[in-house]
Amino acid sequence: MTTTMAGASAPVLFKAACPDCRGRFELASDAFRLAIGASRRTTFYSFTCPDCRRAVRRPAGERIVELLTGGGVRTLRLHTG
């Protein structure tokens, strides 16, 4: 995943790929959701593939979390209870 910033008021675009149809595309930050859990297994981002419409869920390490939160992706913090 990489990020592109076009300008101060332009939306942040992220390059992504679908593991199902192998499509490659750029999506705006509002197309992603980021879930931050207590462990690496429960920290992930998700989006819907614009080509095949399947839900894609990918693990998010520290760098991905940093890029997505910095790009304005909506974040959900998961709590264990």
N, C-alpha and C. Protein backbone atom coordinates (compact mmCIF):
# COMPACT_ATOMS: atom_id res chain seq x y z
N MET A 1 0.85 -1.16 0.00
CA MET A 1 0.00 0.00 0.00
C MET A 1 0.89 1.22 0.00
N THR A 2 0.57 2.18 -0.86
CA THR A 2 1.26 3.46 -0.88
C THR A 2 0.23 4.56 -0.89
N THR A 3 0.67 5.77 -0.60
CA THR A 3 -0.25 6.90 -0.52
C THR A 3 0.19 8.00 -1.46
N THR A 4 -0.78 8.75 -1.98
CA THR A 4 -0.52 9.87 -2.86
C THR A 4 -1.25 11.08 -2.32
N MET A 5 -0.54 12.19 -2.12
CA MET A 5 -1.17 13.42 -1.66
C MET A 5 -1.06 14.45 -2.77
N ALA A 6 -2.22 14.84 -3.31
CA ALA A 6 -2.22 15.74 -4.46
C ALA A 6 -2.13 17.20 -4.07
N GLY A 7 -2.71 17.59 -2.98
CA GLY A 7 -2.69 18.97 -2.56
C GLY A 7 -3.35 19.11 -1.21
N ALA A 8 -3.35 20.31 -0.67
CA ALA A 8 -3.88 20.51 0.67
C ALA A 8 -5.35 20.15 0.78
N SER A 9 -6.16 20.46 -0.23
CA SER A 9 -7.59 20.20 -0.14
C SER A 9 -8.01 18.93 -0.88
N ALA A 10 -7.11 18.34 -1.63
CA ALA A 10 -7.44 17.13 -2.39
C ALA A 10 -7.47 15.92 -1.45
N PRO A 11 -8.34 14.95 -1.73
CA PRO A 11 -8.37 13.76 -0.88
C PRO A 11 -7.08 12.95 -1.03
N VAL A 12 -6.74 12.23 0.02
CA VAL A 12 -5.57 11.35 -0.02
C VAL A 12 -6.00 10.07 -0.73
N LEU A 13 -5.17 9.63 -1.67
CA LEU A 13 -5.44 8.40 -2.40
C LEU A 13 -4.44 7.33 -1.98
N PHE A 14 -4.93 6.12 -1.82
CA PHE A 14 -4.09 4.99 -1.46
C PHE A 14 -4.13 3.97 -2.58
N LYS A 15 -2.98 3.45 -2.96
CA LYS A 15 -2.92 2.37 -3.94
C LYS A 15 -3.21 1.07 -3.20
N ALA A 16 -4.06 0.26 -3.80
CA ALA A 16 -4.43 -1.01 -3.18
C ALA A 16 -4.62 -2.05 -4.27
N ALA A 17 -4.73 -3.30 -3.84
CA ALA A 17 -4.94 -4.40 -4.78
C ALA A 17 -5.90 -5.40 -4.15
N CYS A 18 -6.64 -6.07 -5.01
CA CYS A 18 -7.59 -7.09 -4.57
C CYS A 18 -6.95 -8.47 -4.73
N PRO A 19 -6.91 -9.27 -3.67
CA PRO A 19 -6.33 -10.61 -3.78
C PRO A 19 -7.22 -11.58 -4.56
N ASP A 20 -8.50 -11.26 -4.70
CA ASP A 20 -9.42 -12.16 -5.41
C ASP A 20 -9.34 -11.98 -6.93
N CYS A 21 -9.59 -10.75 -7.40
CA CYS A 21 -9.59 -10.52 -8.85
C CYS A 21 -8.26 -9.97 -9.36
N ARG A 22 -7.36 -9.65 -8.44
CA ARG A 22 -6.02 -9.12 -8.74
C ARG A 22 -6.06 -7.73 -9.37
N GLY A 23 -7.18 -7.03 -9.18
CA GLY A 23 -7.28 -5.66 -9.65
C GLY A 23 -6.37 -4.74 -8.86
N ARG A 24 -5.87 -3.71 -9.51
CA ARG A 24 -5.03 -2.70 -8.84
C ARG A 24 -5.68 -1.36 -9.11
N PHE A 25 -5.75 -0.52 -8.07
CA PHE A 25 -6.50 0.73 -8.19
C PHE A 25 -6.07 1.69 -7.10
N GLU A 26 -6.56 2.91 -7.19
CA GLU A 26 -6.37 3.92 -6.14
C GLU A 26 -7.73 4.21 -5.55
N LEU A 27 -7.78 4.27 -4.22
CA LEU A 27 -9.01 4.57 -3.51
C LEU A 27 -8.79 5.75 -2.58
N ALA A 28 -9.81 6.57 -2.42
CA ALA A 28 -9.75 7.69 -1.49
C ALA A 28 -9.84 7.16 -0.05
N SER A 29 -9.39 7.97 0.88
CA SER A 29 -9.35 7.55 2.28
C SER A 29 -10.71 7.13 2.81
N ASP A 30 -11.80 7.70 2.29
CA ASP A 30 -13.12 7.34 2.81
C ASP A 30 -13.59 5.96 2.35
N ALA A 31 -12.84 5.30 1.48
CA ALA A 31 -13.18 3.95 1.04
C ALA A 31 -12.63 2.88 1.99
N PHE A 32 -11.78 3.29 2.93
CA PHE A 32 -11.13 2.36 3.84
C PHE A 32 -11.70 2.46 5.24
N ARG A 33 -11.57 1.37 5.98
CA ARG A 33 -11.84 1.34 7.41
C ARG A 33 -10.62 0.70 8.06
N LEU A 34 -10.23 1.24 9.19
CA LEU A 34 -9.09 0.72 9.92
C LEU A 34 -9.56 0.29 11.30
N ALA A 35 -9.26 -0.93 11.69
CA ALA A 35 -9.58 -1.44 13.02
C ALA A 35 -8.27 -1.69 13.75
N ILE A 36 -8.13 -1.09 14.92
CA ILE A 36 -6.91 -1.25 15.71
C ILE A 36 -7.27 -2.05 16.95
N GLY A 37 -6.70 -3.24 17.04
CA GLY A 37 -6.96 -4.13 18.16
C GLY A 37 -5.78 -4.20 19.11
N ALA A 38 -5.88 -5.12 20.03
CA ALA A 38 -4.84 -5.28 21.05
C ALA A 38 -3.60 -6.01 20.54
N SER A 39 -3.72 -6.65 19.38
CA SER A 39 -2.58 -7.41 18.85
C SER A 39 -2.48 -7.20 17.34
N ARG A 40 -1.42 -7.75 16.77
CA ARG A 40 -1.24 -7.67 15.32
C ARG A 40 -2.35 -8.42 14.59
N ARG A 41 -2.84 -9.50 15.19
CA ARG A 41 -3.90 -10.29 14.55
C ARG A 41 -5.23 -9.55 14.49
N THR A 42 -5.43 -8.61 15.41
CA THR A 42 -6.71 -7.90 15.45
C THR A 42 -6.61 -6.46 14.93
N THR A 43 -5.52 -6.15 14.26
CA THR A 43 -5.34 -4.83 13.65
C THR A 43 -5.33 -5.03 12.13
N PHE A 44 -6.31 -4.41 11.45
CA PHE A 44 -6.47 -4.63 10.02
C PHE A 44 -7.16 -3.45 9.37
N TYR A 45 -7.05 -3.38 8.04
CA TYR A 45 -7.83 -2.40 7.29
C TYR A 45 -8.69 -3.17 6.30
N SER A 46 -9.78 -2.53 5.87
CA SER A 46 -10.67 -3.18 4.93
C SER A 46 -11.21 -2.18 3.93
N PHE A 47 -11.62 -2.70 2.78
CA PHE A 47 -12.24 -1.90 1.73
C PHE A 47 -13.01 -2.85 0.81
N THR A 48 -13.85 -2.29 -0.04
CA THR A 48 -14.56 -3.08 -1.03
C THR A 48 -13.88 -2.88 -2.37
N CYS A 49 -13.55 -3.98 -3.04
CA CYS A 49 -12.88 -3.90 -4.34
C CYS A 49 -13.83 -3.24 -5.35
N PRO A 50 -13.38 -2.19 -6.02
CA PRO A 50 -14.25 -1.54 -7.00
C PRO A 50 -14.47 -2.37 -8.26
N ASP A 51 -13.62 -3.36 -8.50
CA ASP A 51 -13.75 -4.19 -9.69
C ASP A 51 -14.71 -5.37 -9.48
N CYS A 52 -14.48 -6.17 -8.44
CA CYS A 52 -15.29 -7.37 -8.22
C CYS A 52 -16.29 -7.22 -7.07
N ARG A 53 -16.23 -6.10 -6.35
CA ARG A 53 -17.16 -5.77 -5.25
C ARG A 53 -17.02 -6.66 -4.02
N ARG A 54 -15.94 -7.40 -3.91
CA ARG A 54 -15.72 -8.25 -2.74
C ARG A 54 -15.11 -7.44 -1.61
N ALA A 55 -15.44 -7.82 -0.39
CA ALA A 55 -14.84 -7.20 0.78
C ALA A 55 -13.42 -7.73 0.94
N VAL A 56 -12.49 -6.81 1.13
CA VAL A 56 -11.08 -7.17 1.29
C VAL A 56 -10.65 -6.75 2.70
N ARG A 57 -10.01 -7.66 3.39
CA ARG A 57 -9.50 -7.38 4.74
C ARG A 57 -8.04 -7.77 4.77
N ARG A 58 -7.18 -6.83 5.14
CA ARG A 58 -5.73 -7.05 5.14
C ARG A 58 -5.15 -6.67 6.50
N PRO A 59 -4.13 -7.38 6.95
CA PRO A 59 -3.47 -7.01 8.21
C PRO A 59 -2.80 -5.64 8.07
N ALA A 60 -2.74 -4.92 9.17
CA ALA A 60 -2.12 -3.59 9.16
C ALA A 60 -1.04 -3.52 10.24
N GLY A 61 0.20 -3.46 9.79
CA GLY A 61 1.30 -3.26 10.71
C GLY A 61 1.41 -1.79 11.09
N GLU A 62 2.40 -1.48 11.88
CA GLU A 62 2.57 -0.11 12.39
C GLU A 62 2.65 0.93 11.28
N ARG A 63 3.40 0.64 10.24
CA ARG A 63 3.57 1.61 9.14
C ARG A 63 2.26 1.85 8.40
N ILE A 64 1.49 0.80 8.15
CA ILE A 64 0.20 0.94 7.47
C ILE A 64 -0.76 1.74 8.34
N VAL A 65 -0.79 1.45 9.64
CA VAL A 65 -1.64 2.21 10.57
C VAL A 65 -1.27 3.68 10.52
N GLU A 66 0.02 3.96 10.52
CA GLU A 66 0.51 5.34 10.47
C GLU A 66 0.06 6.04 9.18
N LEU A 67 0.21 5.37 8.05
CA LEU A 67 -0.19 5.95 6.76
C LEU A 67 -1.70 6.19 6.70
N LEU A 68 -2.49 5.20 7.11
CA LEU A 68 -3.94 5.32 7.02
C LEU A 68 -4.49 6.39 7.97
N THR A 69 -4.01 6.41 9.20
CA THR A 69 -4.51 7.43 10.14
C THR A 69 -4.07 8.82 9.69
N GLY A 70 -2.84 8.94 9.19
CA GLY A 70 -2.36 10.22 8.69
C GLY A 70 -3.11 10.69 7.46
N GLY A 71 -3.68 9.74 6.71
CA GLY A 71 -4.44 10.08 5.51
C GLY A 71 -5.92 10.29 5.76
N GLY A 72 -6.33 10.22 7.02
CA GLY A 72 -7.72 10.50 7.35
C GLY A 72 -8.68 9.33 7.28
N VAL A 73 -8.17 8.11 7.27
CA VAL A 73 -9.04 6.93 7.24
C VAL A 73 -9.75 6.79 8.58
N ARG A 74 -11.04 6.50 8.52
CA ARG A 74 -11.83 6.31 9.75
C ARG A 74 -11.30 5.10 10.51
N THR A 75 -11.13 5.29 11.80
CA THR A 75 -10.50 4.27 12.65
C THR A 75 -11.44 3.82 13.75
N LEU A 76 -11.47 2.52 13.97
CA LEU A 76 -12.23 1.92 15.04
C LEU A 76 -11.23 1.26 15.98
N ARG A 77 -11.29 1.60 17.24
CA ARG A 77 -10.40 0.97 18.22
C ARG A 77 -11.16 -0.16 18.88
N LEU A 78 -10.62 -1.38 18.76
CA LEU A 78 -11.26 -2.54 19.32
C LEU A 78 -10.79 -2.73 20.75
N HIS A 79 -11.72 -2.98 21.65
CA HIS A 79 -11.38 -3.19 23.06
C HIS A 79 -11.76 -4.61 23.45
N THR A 80 -10.93 -5.23 24.26
CA THR A 80 -11.27 -6.55 24.77
C THR A 80 -11.94 -6.38 26.12
N GLY A 81 -12.90 -7.22 26.37
CA GLY A 81 -13.64 -7.00 27.61
C GLY A 81 -13.75 -8.14 28.48
